[in-house]
Amino acid sequence: MPRRAYLALVEHAPLPVSWVRPLTRHFELTRPIRLFDNLTGVPVKLGGRTVIEAPASPTCATAFANGIDRTKEEAFMNWTLEVVVVPVSDVDRAKTFYVGKLGFIVDHDTKISDEYHFVQLTPPGSGCSIVLGKGVVDMTPGSLNGLQLVVKDIYAARAQLVERGLEVGEVQVLGASGSRPARDGEALNNVGFVFFSDPDGNGWAVQQIDSRD
């Protein structure tokens, strides 16, 4: 009996890895699908889940070339973001800011020479760290924007930052029409933000996510 591959396809392109859940020898659909015109796959039910079943072929192999070791149990390899370099003009000043104002934890502080000095810091509870460095990357200090932290209570987080002497804006609600001040008692899950910058001008946002259901 020929081996079969199970694929999920959307808008005539393979689904990104994050959109499918690896099962034993098939993939559960997590988004609406539309099959390749030239791929004779059919939706099937497996344990209450809808998957796409198609004969193993060069098309299948190409679609998952970098995502699946087909000799094993169709398992994906995790690719985790662990470090983001934040460009600063003064490493020691930036370290003082991120530790004293934000409560980041110092993982290591390494000075190789007057030209090479880098500090790795991790926000409390985060799986990703930042690196402040001299001689690390060729980026203009203060040129990084869109860095984002997530908390369960945006008002409590803002109060902590203000207590530590950080200049931070009022709580904002971001929606389809842009941003506006938050109203008292308003639900802020996913839409509540505050914004601030470090001494060099690198821009940060803090977002409230109190439920991921």
C-alpha atoms as a PDB file:
ATOM      1  CA  MET A   1       0.000   0.000   0.000  1.00  0.00           C
ATOM      2  CA  PRO A   2       1.595   3.350  -0.998  1.00  0.00           C
ATOM      3  CA  ARG A   3       2.514   5.742   1.747  1.00  0.00           C
ATOM      4  CA  ARG A   4       0.284   8.810   1.950  1.00  0.00           C
ATOM      5  CA  ALA A   5       1.075  12.353   2.964  1.00  0.00           C
ATOM      6  CA  TYR A   6      -1.418  14.700   4.559  1.00  0.00           C
ATOM      7  CA  LEU A   7      -1.227  18.347   3.588  1.00  0.00           C
ATOM      8  CA  ALA A   8      -3.088  21.517   4.487  1.00  0.00           C
ATOM      9  CA  LEU A   9      -3.110  24.152   1.754  1.00  0.00           C
ATOM     10  CA  VAL A  10      -4.521  27.668   1.671  1.00  0.00           C
ATOM     11  CA  GLU A  11      -4.959  30.075  -1.231  1.00  0.00           C
ATOM     12  CA  HIS A  12      -2.803  27.909  -3.501  1.00  0.00           C
ATOM     13  CA  ALA A  13       0.164  27.923  -1.121  1.00  0.00           C
ATOM     14  CA  PRO A  14       1.382  25.600   1.663  1.00  0.00           C
ATOM     15  CA  LEU A  15       0.278  26.660   5.140  1.00  0.00           C
ATOM     16  CA  PRO A  16       3.050  28.139   7.288  1.00  0.00           C
ATOM     17  CA  VAL A  17       4.272  25.811  10.002  1.00  0.00           C
ATOM     18  CA  SER A  18       2.505  27.767  12.737  1.00  0.00           C
ATOM     19  CA  TRP A  19      -0.885  27.167  11.072  1.00  0.00           C
ATOM     20  CA  VAL A  20      -0.867  23.391  11.277  1.00  0.00           C
ATOM     21  CA  ARG A  21      -0.675  21.059  14.234  1.00  0.00           C
ATOM     22  CA  PRO A  22       1.472  17.976  13.695  1.00  0.00           C
ATOM     23  CA  LEU A  23      -0.364  14.747  14.468  1.00  0.00           C
ATOM     24  CA  THR A  24       0.880  11.216  13.828  1.00  0.00           C
ATOM     25  CA  ARG A  25       0.958  11.136  10.033  1.00  0.00           C
ATOM     26  CA  HIS A  26      -1.303  13.982   9.020  1.00  0.00           C
ATOM     27  CA  PHE A  27      -1.923  17.658   9.694  1.00  0.00           C
ATOM     28  CA  GLU A  28      -4.979  19.142  11.341  1.00  0.00           C
ATOM     29  CA  LEU A  29      -6.440  22.101   9.505  1.00  0.00           C
ATOM     30  CA  THR A  30      -6.497  25.308  11.505  1.00  0.00           C
ATOM     31  CA  ARG A  31      -7.567  27.629   8.683  1.00  0.00           C
ATOM     32  CA  PRO A  32     -10.007  27.409   5.720  1.00  0.00           C
ATOM     33  CA  ILE A  33      -8.462  25.571   2.784  1.00  0.00           C
ATOM     34  CA  ARG A  34      -8.462  25.616  -0.981  1.00  0.00           C
ATOM     35  CA  LEU A  35      -6.585  22.847  -2.764  1.00  0.00           C
ATOM     36  CA  PHE A  36      -3.986  23.210  -5.453  1.00  0.00           C
ATOM     37  CA  ASP A  37      -5.726  22.791  -8.803  1.00  0.00           C
ATOM     38  CA  ASN A  38      -3.276  20.047  -9.725  1.00  0.00           C
ATOM     39  CA  LEU A  39      -3.312  18.228  -6.379  1.00  0.00           C
ATOM     40  CA  THR A  40      -5.921  15.501  -6.066  1.00  0.00           C
ATOM     41  CA  GLY A  41      -6.384  15.707  -2.327  1.00  0.00           C
ATOM     42  CA  VAL A  42      -9.642  15.276  -0.472  1.00  0.00           C
ATOM     43  CA  PRO A  43     -10.743  16.339   3.012  1.00  0.00           C
ATOM     44  CA  VAL A  44     -11.072  13.404   5.378  1.00  0.00           C
ATOM     45  CA  LYS A  45     -12.127  13.043   9.013  1.00  0.00           C
ATOM     46  CA  LEU A  46      -9.645  11.595  11.480  1.00  0.00           C
ATOM     47  CA  GLY A  47     -10.690  11.490  15.116  1.00  0.00           C
ATOM     48  CA  GLY A  48     -13.069  14.381  14.636  1.00  0.00           C
ATOM     49  CA  ARG A  49     -10.437  16.483  12.856  1.00  0.00           C
ATOM     50  CA  THR A  50     -10.543  17.480   9.203  1.00  0.00           C
ATOM     51  CA  VAL A  51      -7.317  16.925   7.288  1.00  0.00           C
ATOM     52  CA  ILE A  52      -6.234  16.823   3.663  1.00  0.00           C
ATOM     53  CA  GLU A  53      -5.128  13.443   2.377  1.00  0.00           C
ATOM     54  CA  ALA A  54      -2.988  13.267  -0.752  1.00  0.00           C
ATOM     55  CA  PRO A  55      -0.536  10.726  -2.203  1.00  0.00           C
ATOM     56  CA  ALA A  56       3.109  11.445  -1.384  1.00  0.00           C
ATOM     57  CA  SER A  57       4.641  13.177  -4.414  1.00  0.00           C
ATOM     58  CA  PRO A  58       7.291  15.722  -5.425  1.00  0.00           C
ATOM     59  CA  THR A  59       4.664  18.413  -4.819  1.00  0.00           C
ATOM     60  CA  CYS A  60       4.216  17.199  -1.248  1.00  0.00           C
ATOM     61  CA  ALA A  61       7.955  17.000  -0.718  1.00  0.00           C
ATOM     62  CA  THR A  62       8.470  20.534  -2.021  1.00  0.00           C
ATOM     63  CA  ALA A  63       5.626  21.954   0.068  1.00  0.00           C
ATOM     64  CA  PHE A  64       7.186  20.717   3.291  1.00  0.00           C
ATOM     65  CA  ALA A  65      10.845  20.602   2.250  1.00  0.00           C
ATOM     66  CA  ASN A  66      12.079  22.546   5.252  1.00  0.00           C
ATOM     67  CA  GLY A  67       9.379  21.620   7.743  1.00  0.00           C
ATOM     68  CA  ILE A  68       9.261  17.836   7.864  1.00  0.00           C
ATOM     69  CA  ASP A  69      11.676  14.966   8.105  1.00  0.00           C
ATOM     70  CA  ARG A  70       9.597  12.466   6.125  1.00  0.00           C
ATOM     71  CA  THR A  71      11.605   9.548   7.491  1.00  0.00           C
ATOM     72  CA  LYS A  72      10.260  10.217  10.989  1.00  0.00           C
ATOM     73  CA  GLU A  73       6.888  10.985  12.541  1.00  0.00           C
ATOM     74  CA  GLU A  74       6.333  14.178  10.520  1.00  0.00           C
ATOM     75  CA  ALA A  75       7.656  16.308  13.381  1.00  0.00           C
ATOM     76  CA  PHE A  76       8.440  20.010  13.105  1.00  0.00           C
ATOM     77  CA  MET A  77      11.558  21.622  14.536  1.00  0.00           C
ATOM     78  CA  ASN A  78      10.923  24.667  16.735  1.00  0.00           C
ATOM     79  CA  TRP A  79      12.540  27.961  15.755  1.00  0.00           C
ATOM     80  CA  THR A  80      12.515  30.234  18.800  1.00  0.00           C
ATOM     81  CA  LEU A  81      13.301  33.941  18.885  1.00  0.00           C
ATOM     82  CA  GLU A  82      15.681  34.354  21.815  1.00  0.00           C
ATOM     83  CA  VAL A  83      17.593  37.631  21.381  1.00  0.00           C
ATOM     84  CA  VAL A  84      16.873  41.073  19.942  1.00  0.00           C
ATOM     85  CA  VAL A  85      19.701  43.614  19.691  1.00  0.00           C
ATOM     86  CA  VAL A  86      18.694  47.112  20.814  1.00  0.00           C
ATOM     87  CA  PRO A  87      21.014  49.817  19.411  1.00  0.00           C
ATOM     88  CA  VAL A  88      22.192  52.270  22.069  1.00  0.00           C
ATOM     89  CA  SER A  89      24.867  54.966  22.288  1.00  0.00           C
ATOM     90  CA  ASP A  90      25.923  54.290  25.896  1.00  0.00           C
ATOM     91  CA  VAL A  91      25.762  50.680  27.094  1.00  0.00           C
ATOM     92  CA  ASP A  92      26.086  51.487  30.790  1.00  0.00           C
ATOM     93  CA  ARG A  93      23.401  54.184  30.681  1.00  0.00           C
ATOM     94  CA  ALA A  94      21.045  51.865  28.803  1.00  0.00           C
ATOM     95  CA  LYS A  95      21.724  49.031  31.254  1.00  0.00           C
ATOM     96  CA  THR A  96      20.845  51.323  34.167  1.00  0.00           C
ATOM     97  CA  PHE A  97      17.587  52.275  32.434  1.00  0.00           C
ATOM     98  CA  TYR A  98      16.464  48.745  31.581  1.00  0.00           C
ATOM     99  CA  VAL A  99      17.355  47.343  34.999  1.00  0.00           C
ATOM    100  CA  GLY A 100      16.292  50.277  37.162  1.00  0.00           C
ATOM    101  CA  LYS A 101      13.203  51.485  35.284  1.00  0.00           C
ATOM    102  CA  LEU A 102      11.911  48.256  33.728  1.00  0.00           C
ATOM    103  CA  GLY A 103      13.177  45.589  36.104  1.00  0.00           C
ATOM    104  CA  PHE A 104      14.988  43.577  33.417  1.00  0.00           C
ATOM    105  CA  ILE A 105      17.331  40.884  34.735  1.00  0.00           C
ATOM    106  CA  VAL A 106      21.033  40.990  33.836  1.00  0.00           C
ATOM    107  CA  ASP A 107      22.058  37.684  32.253  1.00  0.00           C
ATOM    108  CA  HIS A 108      25.632  38.748  31.604  1.00  0.00           C
ATOM    109  CA  ASP A 109      27.745  41.870  31.132  1.00  0.00           C
ATOM    110  CA  THR A 110      30.794  41.242  28.980  1.00  0.00           C
ATOM    111  CA  LYS A 111      33.438  43.801  28.082  1.00  0.00           C
ATOM    112  CA  ILE A 112      36.092  42.418  25.771  1.00  0.00           C
ATOM    113  CA  SER A 113      37.771  45.740  25.037  1.00  0.00           C
ATOM    114  CA  ASP A 114      36.998  49.434  24.765  1.00  0.00           C
ATOM    115  CA  GLU A 115      35.443  48.675  21.378  1.00  0.00           C
ATOM    116  CA  TYR A 116      33.420  45.582  22.308  1.00  0.00           C
ATOM    117  CA  HIS A 117      30.996  45.640  25.239  1.00  0.00           C
ATOM    118  CA  PHE A 118      27.658  43.868  25.365  1.00  0.00           C
ATOM    119  CA  VAL A 119      25.013  43.233  28.005  1.00  0.00           C
ATOM    120  CA  GLN A 120      22.206  40.683  27.795  1.00  0.00           C
ATOM    121  CA  LEU A 121      19.017  41.447  29.713  1.00  0.00           C
ATOM    122  CA  THR A 122      15.760  39.510  30.057  1.00  0.00           C
ATOM    123  CA  PRO A 123      12.342  40.924  30.994  1.00  0.00           C
ATOM    124  CA  PRO A 124      10.798  39.067  33.974  1.00  0.00           C
ATOM    125  CA  GLY A 125       9.099  35.906  32.747  1.00  0.00           C
ATOM    126  CA  SER A 126      10.195  36.357  29.127  1.00  0.00           C
ATOM    127  CA  GLY A 127      11.651  33.698  26.848  1.00  0.00           C
ATOM    128  CA  CYS A 128      13.346  36.358  24.735  1.00  0.00           C
ATOM    129  CA  SER A 129      16.196  38.636  25.809  1.00  0.00           C
ATOM    130  CA  ILE A 130      17.633  41.891  24.542  1.00  0.00           C
ATOM    131  CA  VAL A 131      21.289  42.703  23.961  1.00  0.00           C
ATOM    132  CA  LEU A 132      22.759  46.163  24.404  1.00  0.00           C
ATOM    133  CA  GLY A 133      26.149  46.450  22.840  1.00  0.00           C
ATOM    134  CA  LYS A 134      29.026  48.438  21.495  1.00  0.00           C
ATOM    135  CA  GLY A 135      30.567  46.895  18.404  1.00  0.00           C
ATOM    136  CA  VAL A 136      27.723  44.369  18.105  1.00  0.00           C
ATOM    137  CA  VAL A 137      25.604  45.652  15.198  1.00  0.00           C
ATOM    138  CA  ASP A 138      25.801  48.530  12.749  1.00  0.00           C
ATOM    139  CA  MET A 139      22.564  50.283  13.660  1.00  0.00           C
ATOM    140  CA  THR A 140      21.882  53.897  14.553  1.00  0.00           C
ATOM    141  CA  PRO A 141      21.193  54.236  18.304  1.00  0.00           C
ATOM    142  CA  GLY A 142      17.494  54.830  18.914  1.00  0.00           C
ATOM    143  CA  SER A 143      16.433  53.556  15.479  1.00  0.00           C
ATOM    144  CA  LEU A 144      14.516  50.491  16.696  1.00  0.00           C
ATOM    145  CA  ASN A 145      10.742  50.774  17.105  1.00  0.00           C
ATOM    146  CA  GLY A 146       7.914  48.296  17.650  1.00  0.00           C
ATOM    147  CA  LEU A 147       9.446  46.362  20.525  1.00  0.00           C
ATOM    148  CA  GLN A 148       6.616  44.940  22.589  1.00  0.00           C
ATOM    149  CA  LEU A 149       6.127  43.598  26.088  1.00  0.00           C
ATOM    150  CA  VAL A 150       2.991  41.789  27.250  1.00  0.00           C
ATOM    151  CA  VAL A 151       1.385  41.950  30.703  1.00  0.00           C
ATOM    152  CA  LYS A 152      -1.879  40.774  32.232  1.00  0.00           C
ATOM    153  CA  ASP A 153      -2.815  44.142  33.762  1.00  0.00           C
ATOM    154  CA  ILE A 154      -1.841  47.241  31.811  1.00  0.00           C
ATOM    155  CA  TYR A 155      -2.890  49.678  34.540  1.00  0.00           C
ATOM    156  CA  ALA A 156      -0.794  47.879  37.170  1.00  0.00           C
ATOM    157  CA  ALA A 157       2.150  47.729  34.779  1.00  0.00           C
ATOM    158  CA  ARG A 158       1.879  51.432  34.013  1.00  0.00           C
ATOM    159  CA  ALA A 159       1.697  52.250  37.727  1.00  0.00           C
ATOM    160  CA  GLN A 160       4.937  50.310  38.325  1.00  0.00           C
ATOM    161  CA  LEU A 161       6.706  52.161  35.530  1.00  0.00           C
ATOM    162  CA  VAL A 162       5.546  55.553  36.779  1.00  0.00           C
ATOM    163  CA  GLU A 163       6.608  54.655  40.335  1.00  0.00           C
ATOM    164  CA  ARG A 164      10.086  53.867  39.010  1.00  0.00           C
ATOM    165  CA  GLY A 165      10.278  57.308  37.412  1.00  0.00           C
ATOM    166  CA  LEU A 166       9.640  56.340  33.796  1.00  0.00           C
ATOM    167  CA  GLU A 167       7.878  58.775  31.480  1.00  0.00           C
ATOM    168  CA  VAL A 168       5.092  56.684  29.996  1.00  0.00           C
ATOM    169  CA  GLY A 169       1.930  57.646  28.173  1.00  0.00           C
ATOM    170  CA  GLU A 170      -1.635  57.043  29.296  1.00  0.00           C
ATOM    171  CA  VAL A 171      -3.354  53.741  28.557  1.00  0.00           C
ATOM    172  CA  GLN A 172      -4.552  53.654  24.958  1.00  0.00           C
ATOM    173  CA  VAL A 173      -6.986  51.401  23.107  1.00  0.00           C
ATOM    174  CA  LEU A 174      -5.874  50.395  19.610  1.00  0.00           C
ATOM    175  CA  GLY A 175      -8.576  49.502  17.130  1.00  0.00           C
ATOM    176  CA  ALA A 176      -9.535  49.700  13.478  1.00  0.00           C
ATOM    177  CA  SER A 177      -9.934  53.485  13.704  1.00  0.00           C
ATOM    178  CA  GLY A 178      -6.586  54.036  15.405  1.00  0.00           C
ATOM    179  CA  SER A 179      -5.820  54.766  19.052  1.00  0.00           C
ATOM    180  CA  ARG A 180      -7.822  56.553  21.729  1.00  0.00           C
ATOM    181  CA  PRO A 181      -7.668  56.912  25.510  1.00  0.00           C
ATOM    182  CA  ALA A 182      -9.040  53.933  27.431  1.00  0.00           C
ATOM    183  CA  ARG A 183     -12.325  54.389  29.262  1.00  0.00           C
ATOM    184  CA  ASP A 184     -12.917  53.408  32.898  1.00  0.00           C
ATOM    185  CA  GLY A 185     -13.942  49.770  33.216  1.00  0.00           C
ATOM    186  CA  GLU A 186     -13.325  49.031  29.551  1.00  0.00           C
ATOM    187  CA  ALA A 187     -12.181  45.528  28.564  1.00  0.00           C
ATOM    188  CA  LEU A 188      -8.573  45.821  27.419  1.00  0.00           C
ATOM    189  CA  ASN A 189      -7.601  42.280  26.491  1.00  0.00           C
ATOM    190  CA  ASN A 190      -5.410  42.497  23.358  1.00  0.00           C
ATOM    191  CA  VAL A 191      -6.268  46.162  22.726  1.00  0.00           C
ATOM    192  CA  GLY A 192      -4.865  48.024  25.773  1.00  0.00           C
ATOM    193  CA  PHE A 193      -1.412  49.598  25.315  1.00  0.00           C
ATOM    194  CA  VAL A 194       1.028  52.058  26.817  1.00  0.00           C
ATOM    195  CA  PHE A 195       4.102  53.397  25.045  1.00  0.00           C
ATOM    196  CA  PHE A 196       7.532  54.646  26.118  1.00  0.00           C
ATOM    197  CA  SER A 197      11.072  55.075  24.813  1.00  0.00           C
ATOM    198  CA  ASP A 198      14.512  54.335  26.222  1.00  0.00           C
ATOM    199  CA  PRO A 199      17.107  57.150  26.617  1.00  0.00           C
ATOM    200  CA  ASP A 200      18.219  56.745  22.984  1.00  0.00           C
ATOM    201  CA  GLY A 201      14.673  56.802  21.610  1.00  0.00           C
ATOM    202  CA  ASN A 202      14.118  53.102  20.902  1.00  0.00           C
ATOM    203  CA  GLY A 203      10.341  52.704  21.009  1.00  0.00           C
ATOM    204  CA  TRP A 204       8.536  50.185  23.193  1.00  0.00           C
ATOM    205  CA  ALA A 205       4.905  49.185  23.652  1.00  0.00           C
ATOM    206  CA  VAL A 206       3.319  47.312  26.527  1.00  0.00           C
ATOM    207  CA  GLN A 207       0.182  45.341  25.641  1.00  0.00           C
ATOM    208  CA  GLN A 208      -2.404  43.779  27.923  1.00  0.00           C
ATOM    209  CA  ILE A 209      -3.258  40.137  27.205  1.00  0.00           C
ATOM    210  CA  ASP A 210      -5.159  38.730  30.141  1.00  0.00           C
ATOM    211  CA  SER A 211      -6.712  35.785  28.288  1.00  0.00           C
ATOM    212  CA  ARG A 212      -5.559  33.803  25.263  1.00  0.00           C
ATOM    213  CA  ASP A 213      -8.717  31.707  24.819  1.00  0.00           C
END
